[in-house]
């Protein structure tokens, strides 16, 4: 499957992407968050490409996608990632899709919905909250720790993050491998993740919505109150809790994760 990864030269960066099941009409797109890449979704390509066109990408500075020429926080905003994805969708002539976003990938999805809702047949997030309100001090502190540790001891730092992200040793190894491919981008990217709100976007969405809540994803679960309140008032939104799964639910519990996505897509 890895050998099918291709490169696309966009207006600002060159991005790698994986497209499988090209013979099918319906498209499911998977988008990762800060630190991982297209390889996070290999199991989803293997499962869904039997019946769907499946697309995943590596965001700028992740995997083997290039970093922008200028390195700054402004070059790794959700809007920048959104525009990169729009270029790939246009290149591949994909005009509608079910979108599945993990962590910051969900935030990028909200950015896409806000300007191009006609793209979406359904919207799924996991490891994502629609609002986070860390102080500027905390946000800068996290990004500062990233920057220092990734200069001093990137391997040790990413091993620590991997162990914090999953209780499964095989998943920890996969997360670590992917994180080591994004050392330069992460400090800039994560500085954009501390203080934001997509609650209005979520409230105004008129498409089927699914939030997969990893039972062990404590950091995100502690910040979901406002998101869950809006979803609870919506006629077309659902929350599913995935037992034994953390922030990377698709890696922790791939079979259960795939069934949840499949049920969601088939029901629409």
Protein backbone atom coordinates (compact mmCIF):
# COMPACT_ATOMS: atom_id res chain seq x y z
CA UNK A 1 0.00 0.00 0.00
CA UNK A 2 2.85 2.42 0.82
CA UNK A 3 4.18 2.03 -2.71
CA UNK A 4 0.96 3.60 -4.04
CA UNK A 5 1.64 6.95 -2.36
CA UNK A 6 1.95 9.73 -4.94
CA UNK A 7 3.17 13.33 -4.94
CA UNK A 8 1.24 16.44 -5.92
CA UNK A 9 2.94 19.79 -6.48
CA UNK A 10 0.64 22.49 -5.16
CA UNK A 11 1.04 26.23 -5.31
CA UNK A 12 3.07 26.38 -2.07
CA UNK A 13 4.18 22.85 -1.14
CA UNK A 14 4.52 19.39 -2.58
CA UNK A 15 2.19 16.98 -0.81
CA UNK A 16 2.08 13.22 -0.73
CA UNK A 17 -1.28 11.49 -0.96
CA UNK A 18 -2.71 8.01 -1.19
CA UNK A 19 -5.72 7.29 -3.38
CA UNK A 20 -7.15 3.77 -3.54
CA UNK A 21 -10.39 2.26 -4.82
CA UNK A 22 -10.33 4.67 -7.74
CA UNK A 23 -12.93 2.64 -9.62
CA UNK A 24 -15.64 3.52 -7.10
CA UNK A 25 -17.86 6.61 -7.09
CA UNK A 26 -18.25 7.47 -3.39
CA UNK A 27 -15.21 9.04 -1.71
CA UNK A 28 -14.09 8.84 1.92
CA UNK A 29 -11.26 11.18 2.88
CA UNK A 30 -9.12 10.74 6.02
CA UNK A 31 -7.04 13.64 7.38
CA UNK A 32 -4.52 13.31 10.22
CA UNK A 33 -3.51 15.84 12.88
CA UNK A 34 -0.23 17.36 14.07
CA UNK A 35 2.70 14.97 13.79
CA UNK A 36 1.35 11.97 11.90
CA UNK A 37 0.77 11.52 8.18
CA UNK A 38 -0.95 9.56 5.42
CA UNK A 39 0.42 6.30 6.86
CA UNK A 40 -1.91 6.60 9.85
CA UNK A 41 -4.78 5.42 7.65
CA UNK A 42 -3.34 2.40 5.84
CA UNK A 43 -5.81 0.06 7.59
CA UNK A 44 -8.69 2.26 6.46
CA UNK A 45 -7.47 2.17 2.85
CA UNK A 46 -7.28 -1.62 3.00
CA UNK A 47 -10.79 -1.93 4.41
CA UNK A 48 -12.77 0.76 2.60
CA UNK A 49 -11.18 0.67 -0.85
CA UNK A 50 -13.15 -2.50 -1.63
CA UNK A 51 -16.28 -0.38 -1.93
CA UNK A 52 -15.17 3.28 -1.84
CA UNK A 53 -12.64 5.64 -3.29
CA UNK A 54 -10.35 6.39 -0.33
CA UNK A 55 -8.11 9.44 -0.08
CA UNK A 56 -5.63 10.45 2.60
CA UNK A 57 -2.91 13.09 2.55
CA UNK A 58 0.17 14.17 4.45
CA UNK A 59 -0.22 17.79 5.49
CA UNK A 60 2.56 20.29 4.74
CA UNK A 61 5.72 19.39 6.64
CA UNK A 62 4.41 15.92 7.55
CA UNK A 63 5.48 12.57 6.18
CA UNK A 64 7.23 13.30 2.90
CA UNK A 65 5.24 16.44 2.14
CA UNK A 66 7.51 19.47 1.96
CA UNK A 67 7.59 22.41 4.32
CA UNK A 68 6.80 25.88 2.96
CA UNK A 69 9.76 28.04 1.96
CA UNK A 70 9.14 30.40 4.86
CA UNK A 71 9.00 28.72 8.29
CA UNK A 72 6.57 30.54 10.56
CA UNK A 73 3.40 29.90 12.56
CA UNK A 74 1.41 31.70 9.84
CA UNK A 75 2.46 29.06 7.29
CA UNK A 76 0.90 26.20 9.31
CA UNK A 77 -2.57 27.56 10.08
CA UNK A 78 -5.72 25.50 9.54
CA UNK A 79 -6.55 27.74 6.59
CA UNK A 80 -3.20 26.96 4.94
CA UNK A 81 -3.83 23.22 5.36
CA UNK A 82 -7.40 23.69 4.11
CA UNK A 83 -6.21 25.39 0.94
CA UNK A 84 -3.63 22.64 0.30
CA UNK A 85 -6.42 20.04 0.53
CA UNK A 86 -8.66 22.02 -1.79
CA UNK A 87 -5.90 21.98 -4.39
CA UNK A 88 -5.57 18.20 -4.18
CA UNK A 89 -9.34 17.70 -4.38
CA UNK A 90 -9.46 19.87 -7.48
CA UNK A 91 -6.51 17.99 -8.99
CA UNK A 92 -8.25 14.65 -8.38
CA UNK A 93 -11.64 16.01 -9.53
CA UNK A 94 -13.32 15.01 -6.27
CA UNK A 95 -16.51 17.02 -5.86
CA UNK A 96 -18.17 15.27 -2.91
CA UNK A 97 -16.96 13.13 -0.03
CA UNK A 98 -17.38 11.79 3.45
CA UNK A 99 -14.74 13.53 5.53
CA UNK A 100 -13.00 11.92 8.54
CA UNK A 101 -10.62 14.12 10.53
CA UNK A 102 -8.44 13.17 13.50
CA UNK A 103 -7.41 15.88 15.98
CA UNK A 104 -6.31 18.95 13.97
CA UNK A 105 -7.60 17.11 10.90
CA UNK A 106 -11.08 17.69 12.31
CA UNK A 107 -10.33 21.41 12.70
CA UNK A 108 -9.24 21.55 9.06
CA UNK A 109 -12.53 19.87 8.22
CA UNK A 110 -14.43 22.67 9.96
CA UNK A 111 -12.47 25.18 7.88
CA UNK A 112 -13.48 23.32 4.72
CA UNK A 113 -17.15 23.12 5.73
CA UNK A 114 -17.20 26.85 6.46
CA UNK A 115 -16.29 27.80 2.88
CA UNK A 116 -17.37 24.79 0.81
CA UNK A 117 -20.22 22.86 2.49
CA UNK A 118 -21.31 21.38 -0.85
CA UNK A 119 -18.24 19.11 -0.74
CA UNK A 120 -19.57 17.14 2.20
CA UNK A 121 -21.92 14.17 2.30
CA UNK A 122 -20.99 13.49 5.91
CA UNK A 123 -18.56 14.78 8.52
CA UNK A 124 -16.71 12.68 11.11
CA UNK A 125 -14.21 13.74 13.76
CA UNK A 126 -12.27 11.83 16.40
CA UNK A 127 -9.77 13.26 18.85
CA UNK A 128 -11.18 16.70 17.99
CA UNK A 129 -13.04 19.32 19.98
CA UNK A 130 -14.77 22.18 18.18
CA UNK A 131 -13.50 24.65 20.76
CA UNK A 132 -10.37 24.95 22.85
CA UNK A 133 -9.54 27.94 25.02
CA UNK A 134 -6.02 27.59 26.36
CA UNK A 135 -4.43 30.88 27.38
CA UNK A 136 -1.78 32.43 25.16
CA UNK A 137 0.77 31.60 27.85
CA UNK A 138 -0.13 27.87 27.87
CA UNK A 139 -0.26 27.70 24.07
CA UNK A 140 3.16 29.34 23.76
CA UNK A 141 4.55 27.15 26.53
CA UNK A 142 3.50 23.95 24.74
CA UNK A 143 4.94 25.15 21.43
CA UNK A 144 8.12 26.28 23.21
CA UNK A 145 8.59 22.87 24.82
CA UNK A 146 8.07 21.27 21.41
CA UNK A 147 10.69 23.51 19.84
CA UNK A 148 13.33 22.96 22.52
CA UNK A 149 12.82 19.21 22.89
CA UNK A 150 12.77 18.60 19.15
CA UNK A 151 16.15 20.29 18.90
CA UNK A 152 17.70 18.66 21.97
CA UNK A 153 16.25 15.14 21.95
CA UNK A 154 13.59 14.53 19.27
CA UNK A 155 13.70 10.75 19.61
CA UNK A 156 13.22 10.75 23.38
CA UNK A 157 10.54 13.42 23.22
CA UNK A 158 8.53 11.60 20.59
CA UNK A 159 8.84 8.31 22.46
CA UNK A 160 7.31 10.05 25.47
CA UNK A 161 4.45 11.50 23.39
CA UNK A 162 3.83 8.14 21.72
CA UNK A 163 3.49 6.37 25.07
CA UNK A 164 1.12 9.08 26.26
CA UNK A 165 -1.00 8.73 23.11
CA UNK A 166 -1.76 5.01 23.21
CA UNK A 167 -1.59 2.13 25.65
CA UNK A 168 -0.78 -0.36 22.88
CA UNK A 169 2.90 -0.99 22.18
CA UNK A 170 2.47 -1.61 18.45
CA UNK A 171 0.54 1.66 18.09
CA UNK A 172 3.16 3.54 20.10
CA UNK A 173 5.81 2.35 17.64
CA UNK A 174 3.73 3.45 14.64
CA UNK A 175 3.01 6.86 16.12
CA UNK A 176 6.70 7.33 16.97
CA UNK A 177 7.77 6.42 13.44
CA UNK A 178 5.35 8.94 11.94
CA UNK A 179 6.19 11.69 14.42
CA UNK A 180 9.87 11.39 13.52
CA UNK A 181 8.90 12.41 9.98
CA UNK A 182 7.50 15.77 11.10
CA UNK A 183 10.09 17.25 13.45
CA UNK A 184 10.35 20.66 11.79
CA UNK A 185 6.64 21.35 11.29
CA UNK A 186 5.18 20.39 14.67
CA UNK A 187 6.22 23.41 16.81
CA UNK A 188 4.76 25.83 14.25
CA UNK A 189 1.63 23.74 13.72
CA UNK A 190 0.87 23.18 17.41
CA UNK A 191 1.05 26.90 18.15
CA UNK A 192 -2.16 27.21 16.10
CA UNK A 193 -4.01 24.56 18.13
CA UNK A 194 -4.38 26.13 21.58
CA UNK A 195 -7.11 28.72 21.21
CA UNK A 196 -9.89 28.48 18.63
CA UNK A 197 -13.63 27.98 18.24
CA UNK A 198 -15.61 26.28 15.47
CA UNK A 199 -18.81 26.12 17.52
CA UNK A 200 -20.68 28.43 15.11
CA UNK A 201 -19.56 26.32 12.16
CA UNK A 202 -20.73 23.17 13.92
CA UNK A 203 -24.04 24.76 14.90
CA UNK A 204 -24.76 25.77 11.30
CA UNK A 205 -23.78 22.48 9.66
CA UNK A 206 -26.63 20.87 7.74
CA UNK A 207 -24.97 17.55 6.95
CA UNK A 208 -24.78 14.25 8.88
CA UNK A 209 -22.24 14.53 11.69
CA UNK A 210 -20.51 11.82 13.72
CA UNK A 211 -18.20 12.36 16.67
CA UNK A 212 -16.20 9.30 17.70
CA UNK A 213 -15.13 9.68 21.31
CA UNK A 214 -12.15 7.56 22.30
CA UNK A 215 -12.74 6.33 25.83
CA UNK A 216 -9.09 6.94 26.80
CA UNK A 217 -8.63 10.26 24.99
CA UNK A 218 -8.80 12.13 28.29
CA UNK A 219 -7.28 15.46 27.20
CA UNK A 220 -9.85 15.92 24.42
CA UNK A 221 -12.75 14.45 26.39
CA UNK A 222 -12.18 17.03 29.11
CA UNK A 223 -12.66 19.80 26.51
CA UNK A 224 -15.76 18.47 24.74
CA UNK A 225 -18.54 20.03 26.82
CA UNK A 226 -19.54 22.81 24.43
CA UNK A 227 -19.14 20.55 21.38
CA UNK A 228 -21.39 17.87 22.89
CA UNK A 229 -24.01 20.43 23.85
CA UNK A 230 -24.37 21.54 20.23
CA UNK A 231 -24.37 17.97 18.93
CA UNK A 232 -27.03 17.09 21.49
CA UNK A 233 -29.34 19.74 20.01
CA UNK A 234 -28.76 18.64 16.43
CA UNK A 235 -31.17 16.38 14.54
CA UNK A 236 -28.43 14.94 12.32
CA UNK A 237 -25.49 14.45 14.72
CA UNK A 238 -24.40 11.34 16.60
CA UNK A 239 -21.79 10.54 19.25
CA UNK A 240 -20.26 7.06 19.52
CA UNK A 241 -17.87 6.11 22.32
CA UNK A 242 -15.12 3.70 21.30
CA UNK A 243 -14.01 1.63 24.29
CA UNK A 244 -10.29 1.08 24.78
CA UNK A 245 -9.34 3.76 22.24
CA UNK A 246 -7.31 6.89 22.82
CA UNK A 247 -6.46 9.90 20.67
CA UNK A 248 -5.59 7.74 17.65
CA UNK A 249 -8.74 5.63 17.74
CA UNK A 250 -8.29 4.23 14.24
CA UNK A 251 -4.90 2.79 15.24
CA UNK A 252 -5.94 1.58 18.70
CA UNK A 253 -9.12 -0.17 17.56
CA UNK A 254 -9.05 -0.40 13.74
CA UNK A 255 -11.76 -3.02 13.24
CA UNK A 256 -14.25 -1.33 15.55
CA UNK A 257 -13.38 2.08 14.10
CA UNK A 258 -13.94 0.86 10.56
CA UNK A 259 -17.33 -0.61 11.44
CA UNK A 260 -18.44 2.67 13.01
CA UNK A 261 -17.45 4.63 9.89
CA UNK A 262 -19.02 2.04 7.59
CA UNK A 263 -22.31 2.12 9.50
CA UNK A 264 -22.33 5.92 9.37
CA UNK A 265 -21.69 6.07 5.62
CA UNK A 266 -24.18 3.31 4.77
CA UNK A 267 -26.92 4.95 6.84
CA UNK A 268 -26.79 8.20 4.84
